[in-house]
Amino acid sequence: MDDIITRYNYDEFTREKVFPLLDFDNSPPLGEKAPDFPLWRLDGTETSLSAIWSQHLYTIVEFGSFT
């Protein structure tokens, strides 16, 4: 597997590329349950929000960079 740090591409996080993906008007209201969607672990395996919910009482999904 490629080193995830090496593959991280900051050039992809530009206003022009990211803003069209944001759809706040269709987001669930604060306090409402989010729709199920796929998630990928750092090792490349896929899971889903519903799979995580079934294993944990509370779930936080962070979208962003910790660098």
Foldseek 3Di string as FASTA:
>chain_A
DDDVVVVDDPVCPDCVNPVVVDDVVPADPPPDDGDKDWDADPVGDIDIPVVVVVVDVDDDDDPDDPD
